[in-house]
Structure formats: structure tokens, C-alpha cells
PDB file of N, CA and C in Angstrom:
ATOM      1  N   MET A   1      53.204  34.947  -3.940  1.00  0.00           N
ATOM      2  CA  MET A   1      52.485  36.157  -4.283  1.00  0.00           C
ATOM      3  C   MET A   1      51.172  36.189  -3.518  1.00  0.00           C
ATOM      4  N   SER A   2      50.776  37.332  -3.145  1.00  0.00           N
ATOM      5  CA  SER A   2      49.571  37.460  -2.334  1.00  0.00           C
ATOM      6  C   SER A   2      48.298  37.182  -3.112  1.00  0.00           C
ATOM      7  N   GLY A   3      48.338  37.263  -4.422  1.00  0.00           N
ATOM      8  CA  GLY A   3      47.159  37.039  -5.229  1.00  0.00           C
ATOM      9  C   GLY A   3      46.673  35.599  -5.208  1.00  0.00           C
ATOM     10  N   TYR A   4      47.572  34.675  -4.996  1.00  0.00           N
ATOM     11  CA  TYR A   4      47.187  33.274  -4.981  1.00  0.00           C
ATOM     12  C   TYR A   4      46.477  32.895  -3.683  1.00  0.00           C
ATOM     13  N   GLU A   5      46.768  33.592  -2.604  1.00  0.00           N
ATOM     14  CA  GLU A   5      46.198  33.240  -1.309  1.00  0.00           C
ATOM     15  C   GLU A   5      44.857  33.896  -1.047  1.00  0.00           C
ATOM     16  N   SER A   6      44.525  34.952  -1.737  1.00  0.00           N
ATOM     17  CA  SER A   6      43.266  35.633  -1.485  1.00  0.00           C
ATOM     18  C   SER A   6      42.181  35.086  -2.405  1.00  0.00           C
ATOM     19  N   ASN A   7      40.956  35.382  -2.081  1.00  0.00           N
ATOM     20  CA  ASN A   7      39.826  34.919  -2.885  1.00  0.00           C
ATOM     21  C   ASN A   7      39.415  35.932  -3.933  1.00  0.00           C
ATOM     22  N   LYS A   8      40.106  37.042  -4.027  1.00  0.00           N
ATOM     23  CA  LYS A   8      39.753  38.065  -5.001  1.00  0.00           C
ATOM     24  C   LYS A   8      40.200  37.628  -6.393  1.00  0.00           C
ATOM     25  N   LYS A   9      39.403  37.946  -7.370  1.00  0.00           N
ATOM     26  CA  LYS A   9      39.645  37.456  -8.724  1.00  0.00           C
ATOM     27  C   LYS A   9      40.822  38.158  -9.399  1.00  0.00           C
ATOM     28  N   TYR A  10      40.977  39.462  -9.197  1.00  0.00           N
ATOM     29  CA  TYR A  10      41.973  40.232  -9.945  1.00  0.00           C
ATOM     30  C   TYR A  10      43.133  40.732  -9.090  1.00  0.00           C
ATOM     31  N   SER A  11      43.321  40.191  -7.897  1.00  0.00           N
ATOM     32  CA  SER A  11      44.359  40.732  -7.024  1.00  0.00           C
ATOM     33  C   SER A  11      45.762  40.523  -7.585  1.00  0.00           C
ATOM     34  N   SER A  12      46.032  39.375  -8.199  1.00  0.00           N
ATOM     35  CA  SER A  12      47.372  39.153  -8.750  1.00  0.00           C
ATOM     36  C   SER A  12      47.599  40.023  -9.986  1.00  0.00           C
ATOM     37  N   LEU A  13      46.540  40.266 -10.756  1.00  0.00           N
ATOM     38  CA  LEU A  13      46.663  41.131 -11.932  1.00  0.00           C
ATOM     39  C   LEU A  13      46.975  42.568 -11.519  1.00  0.00           C
ATOM     40  N   VAL A  14      46.309  43.040 -10.491  1.00  0.00           N
ATOM     41  CA  VAL A  14      46.564  44.397  -9.993  1.00  0.00           C
ATOM     42  C   VAL A  14      47.973  44.496  -9.440  1.00  0.00           C
ATOM     43  N   GLU A  15      48.413  43.474  -8.739  1.00  0.00           N
ATOM     44  CA  GLU A  15      49.764  43.478  -8.181  1.00  0.00           C
ATOM     45  C   GLU A  15      50.815  43.539  -9.281  1.00  0.00           C
ATOM     46  N   LEU A  16      50.608  42.772 -10.349  1.00  0.00           N
ATOM     47  CA  LEU A  16      51.553  42.790 -11.468  1.00  0.00           C
ATOM     48  C   LEU A  16      51.534  44.128 -12.187  1.00  0.00           C
ATOM     49  N   GLU A  17      50.356  44.715 -12.316  1.00  0.00           N
ATOM     50  CA  GLU A  17      50.248  46.011 -12.985  1.00  0.00           C
ATOM     51  C   GLU A  17      50.928  47.103 -12.170  1.00  0.00           C
ATOM     52  N   LEU A  18      50.742  47.087 -10.863  1.00  0.00           N
ATOM     53  CA  LEU A  18      51.407  48.080 -10.011  1.00  0.00           C
ATOM     54  C   LEU A  18      52.920  47.916 -10.061  1.00  0.00           C
ATOM     55  N   ARG A  19      53.367  46.683 -10.122  1.00  0.00           N
ATOM     56  CA  ARG A  19      54.802  46.429 -10.202  1.00  0.00           C
ATOM     57  C   ARG A  19      55.364  46.938 -11.528  1.00  0.00           C
ATOM     58  N   ALA A  20      54.612  46.757 -12.610  1.00  0.00           N
ATOM     59  CA  ALA A  20      55.059  47.235 -13.920  1.00  0.00           C
ATOM     60  C   ALA A  20      55.102  48.756 -13.968  1.00  0.00           C
ATOM     61  N   VAL A  21      54.120  49.407 -13.363  1.00  0.00           N
ATOM     62  CA  VAL A  21      54.109  50.877 -13.329  1.00  0.00           C
ATOM     63  C   VAL A  21      55.285  51.387 -12.513  1.00  0.00           C
ATOM     64  N   ALA A  22      55.548  50.776 -11.375  1.00  0.00           N
ATOM     65  CA  ALA A  22      56.673  51.200 -10.540  1.00  0.00           C
ATOM     66  C   ALA A  22      58.000  50.995 -11.264  1.00  0.00           C
ATOM     67  N   GLN A  23      58.114  49.911 -11.996  1.00  0.00           N
ATOM     68  CA  GLN A  23      59.357  49.654 -12.724  1.00  0.00           C
ATOM     69  C   GLN A  23      59.560  50.662 -13.847  1.00  0.00           C
ATOM     70  N   SER A  24      58.504  50.980 -14.573  1.00  0.00           N
ATOM     71  CA  SER A  24      58.664  51.947 -15.661  1.00  0.00           C
ATOM     72  C   SER A  24      58.987  53.331 -15.121  1.00  0.00           C
ATOM     73  N   ILE A  25      58.397  53.707 -14.006  1.00  0.00           N
ATOM     74  CA  ILE A  25      58.708  55.006 -13.400  1.00  0.00           C
ATOM     75  C   ILE A  25      60.162  55.026 -12.933  1.00  0.00           C
ATOM     76  N   SER A  26      60.620  53.936 -12.342  1.00  0.00           N
ATOM     77  CA  SER A  26      61.984  53.917 -11.817  1.00  0.00           C
ATOM     78  C   SER A  26      63.029  53.981 -12.921  1.00  0.00           C
ATOM     79  N   TYR A  27      62.682  53.601 -14.131  1.00  0.00           N
ATOM     80  CA  TYR A  27      63.618  53.721 -15.244  1.00  0.00           C
ATOM     81  C   TYR A  27      63.463  55.042 -15.990  1.00  0.00           C
ATOM     82  N   GLU A  28      62.261  55.568 -16.068  1.00  0.00           N
ATOM     83  CA  GLU A  28      62.031  56.779 -16.858  1.00  0.00           C
ATOM     84  C   GLU A  28      62.536  58.035 -16.158  1.00  0.00           C
ATOM     85  N   ILE A  29      62.424  58.123 -14.855  1.00  0.00           N
ATOM     86  CA  ILE A  29      62.864  59.326 -14.138  1.00  0.00           C
ATOM     87  C   ILE A  29      64.375  59.517 -14.257  1.00  0.00           C
ATOM     88  N   PRO A  30      65.217  58.520 -13.958  1.00  0.00           N
ATOM     89  CA  PRO A  30      66.663  58.734 -14.136  1.00  0.00           C
ATOM     90  C   PRO A  30      67.054  59.008 -15.579  1.00  0.00           C
ATOM     91  N   PHE A  31      66.409  58.324 -16.529  1.00  0.00           N
ATOM     92  CA  PHE A  31      66.728  58.564 -17.932  1.00  0.00           C
ATOM     93  C   PHE A  31      66.378  59.987 -18.335  1.00  0.00           C
ATOM     94  N   SER A  32      65.237  60.491 -17.879  1.00  0.00           N
ATOM     95  CA  SER A  32      64.836  61.865 -18.197  1.00  0.00           C
ATOM     96  C   SER A  32      65.793  62.872 -17.579  1.00  0.00           C
ATOM     97  N   LEU A  33      66.181  62.646 -16.330  1.00  0.00           N
ATOM     98  CA  LEU A  33      67.128  63.560 -15.675  1.00  0.00           C
ATOM     99  C   LEU A  33      68.476  63.552 -16.382  1.00  0.00           C
ATOM    100  N   PHE A  34      68.942  62.362 -16.766  1.00  0.00           N
ATOM    101  CA  PHE A  34      70.213  62.260 -17.477  1.00  0.00           C
ATOM    102  C   PHE A  34      70.142  62.984 -18.824  1.00  0.00           C
ATOM    103  N   SER A  35      69.037  62.799 -19.541  1.00  0.00           N
ATOM    104  CA  SER A  35      68.877  63.461 -20.841  1.00  0.00           C
ATOM    105  C   SER A  35      68.842  64.974 -20.692  1.00  0.00           C
ATOM    106  N   MET A  36      68.150  65.455 -19.663  1.00  0.00           N
ATOM    107  CA  MET A  36      68.091  66.906 -19.441  1.00  0.00           C
ATOM    108  C   MET A  36      69.459  67.461 -19.087  1.00  0.00           C
ATOM    109  N   CYS A  37      70.260  66.706 -18.336  1.00  0.00           N
ATOM    110  CA  CYS A  37      71.617  67.163 -18.010  1.00  0.00           C
ATOM    111  C   CYS A  37      72.479  67.262 -19.261  1.00  0.00           C
ATOM    112  N   ILE A  38      72.392  66.276 -20.137  1.00  0.00           N
ATOM    113  CA  ILE A  38      73.171  66.301 -21.381  1.00  0.00           C
ATOM    114  C   ILE A  38      72.753  67.476 -22.250  1.00  0.00           C
ATOM    115  N   ILE A  39      71.459  67.716 -22.349  1.00  0.00           N
ATOM    116  CA  ILE A  39      70.973  68.843 -23.160  1.00  0.00           C
ATOM    117  C   ILE A  39      71.420  70.164 -22.560  1.00  0.00           C
ATOM    118  N   ASN A  40      71.384  70.291 -21.239  1.00  0.00           N
ATOM    119  CA  ASN A  40      71.825  71.531 -20.593  1.00  0.00           C
ATOM    120  C   ASN A  40      73.324  71.750 -20.759  1.00  0.00           C
ATOM    121  N   LEU A  41      74.105  70.694 -20.656  1.00  0.00           N
ATOM    122  CA  LEU A  41      75.555  70.843 -20.792  1.00  0.00           C
ATOM    123  C   LEU A  41      75.966  71.196 -22.215  1.00  0.00           C
ATOM    124  N   SER A  42      75.235  70.696 -23.190  1.00  0.00           N
ATOM    125  CA  SER A  42      75.597  70.991 -24.575  1.00  0.00           C
ATOM    126  C   SER A  42      74.858  72.199 -25.135  1.00  0.00           C
ATOM    127  N   ASN A  43      73.903  72.732 -24.393  1.00  0.00           N
ATOM    128  CA  ASN A  43      73.116  73.912 -24.780  1.00  0.00           C
ATOM    129  C   ASN A  43      72.331  73.713 -26.070  1.00  0.00           C
ATOM    130  N   CYS A  44      71.969  72.474 -26.389  1.00  0.00           N
ATOM    131  CA  CYS A  44      71.155  72.204 -27.580  1.00  0.00           C
ATOM    132  C   CYS A  44      70.487  70.845 -27.417  1.00  0.00           C
ATOM    133  N   SER A  45      69.505  70.581 -28.258  1.00  0.00           N
ATOM    134  CA  SER A  45      68.835  69.279 -28.203  1.00  0.00           C
ATOM    135  C   SER A  45      69.071  68.461 -29.466  1.00  0.00           C
ATOM    136  N   SER A  46      69.874  68.966 -30.376  1.00  0.00           N
ATOM    137  CA  SER A  46      70.197  68.231 -31.595  1.00  0.00           C
ATOM    138  C   SER A  46      71.304  67.219 -31.297  1.00  0.00           C
ATOM    139  N   THR A  47      71.112  65.986 -31.741  1.00  0.00           N
ATOM    140  CA  THR A  47      72.129  64.967 -31.477  1.00  0.00           C
ATOM    141  C   THR A  47      73.442  65.272 -32.189  1.00  0.00           C
ATOM    142  N   VAL A  48      73.363  65.888 -33.350  1.00  0.00           N
ATOM    143  CA  VAL A  48      74.587  66.260 -34.083  1.00  0.00           C
ATOM    144  C   VAL A  48      75.375  67.299 -33.283  1.00  0.00           C
ATOM    145  N   ASP A  49      74.673  68.292 -32.751  1.00  0.00           N
ATOM    146  CA  ASP A  49      75.347  69.325 -31.958  1.00  0.00           C
ATOM    147  C   ASP A  49      75.912  68.750 -30.654  1.00  0.00           C
ATOM    148  N   ILE A  50      75.233  67.775 -30.066  1.00  0.00           N
ATOM    149  CA  ILE A  50      75.730  67.156 -28.828  1.00  0.00           C
ATOM    150  C   ILE A  50      77.023  66.393 -29.114  1.00  0.00           C
ATOM    151  N   VAL A  51      77.074  65.672 -30.221  1.00  0.00           N
ATOM    152  CA  VAL A  51      78.288  64.953 -30.591  1.00  0.00           C
ATOM    153  C   VAL A  51      79.421  65.921 -30.872  1.00  0.00           C
ATOM    154  N   GLU A  52      79.142  67.020 -31.535  1.00  0.00           N
ATOM    155  CA  GLU A  52      80.171  68.038 -31.802  1.00  0.00           C
ATOM    156  C   GLU A  52      80.652  68.674 -30.503  1.00  0.00           C
ATOM    157  N   ALA A  53      79.750  68.879 -29.545  1.00  0.00           N
ATOM    158  CA  ALA A  53      80.141  69.460 -28.255  1.00  0.00           C
ATOM    159  C   ALA A  53      81.031  68.502 -27.471  1.00  0.00           C
ATOM    160  N   GLN A  54      80.850  67.204 -27.651  1.00  0.00           N
ATOM    161  CA  GLN A  54      81.695  66.223 -26.972  1.00  0.00           C
ATOM    162  C   GLN A  54      83.110  66.207 -27.531  1.00  0.00           C
ATOM    163  N   SER A  55      83.265  66.555 -28.789  1.00  0.00           N
ATOM    164  CA  SER A  55      84.603  66.510 -29.389  1.00  0.00           C
ATOM    165  C   SER A  55      85.435  67.742 -29.028  1.00  0.00           C
ATOM    166  N   LYS A  56      84.815  68.748 -28.445  1.00  0.00           N
ATOM    167  CA  LYS A  56      85.562  69.967 -28.079  1.00  0.00           C
ATOM    168  C   LYS A  56      86.341  69.763 -26.819  1.00  0.00           C
TER     169      LYS A  56
END
């Protein structure tokens, strides 16, 4: 890791934080798109109605 080789005090902490932000974004965007597709296909946001739409 680059934080161990530099003399900066918080470089490894910043690197880990940036990595965590990138990871959360990479999981949240596909999940949000998938959820929006399911809601659009079932024409509702109620989980009961989505399950009923799947049985049709």
C-alpha cells in the first residue's frame, strides 16, 4: 500500500476511505437500477403487489 511508503500521517486512511466509498457506490448503483426496473415492470412499489405481479 502506498500509505506505508510515504511520510504523510493519514495517507493510508484516506486510501482506505476512498476504496470504501468506491465499493459502496459500485454496489448501490446496480442495486438501485435493478430495483427501479422491478418497480417499473410491476407498476407499483408495494412488495405484496410485486409478488402478485410475478404470479401472473
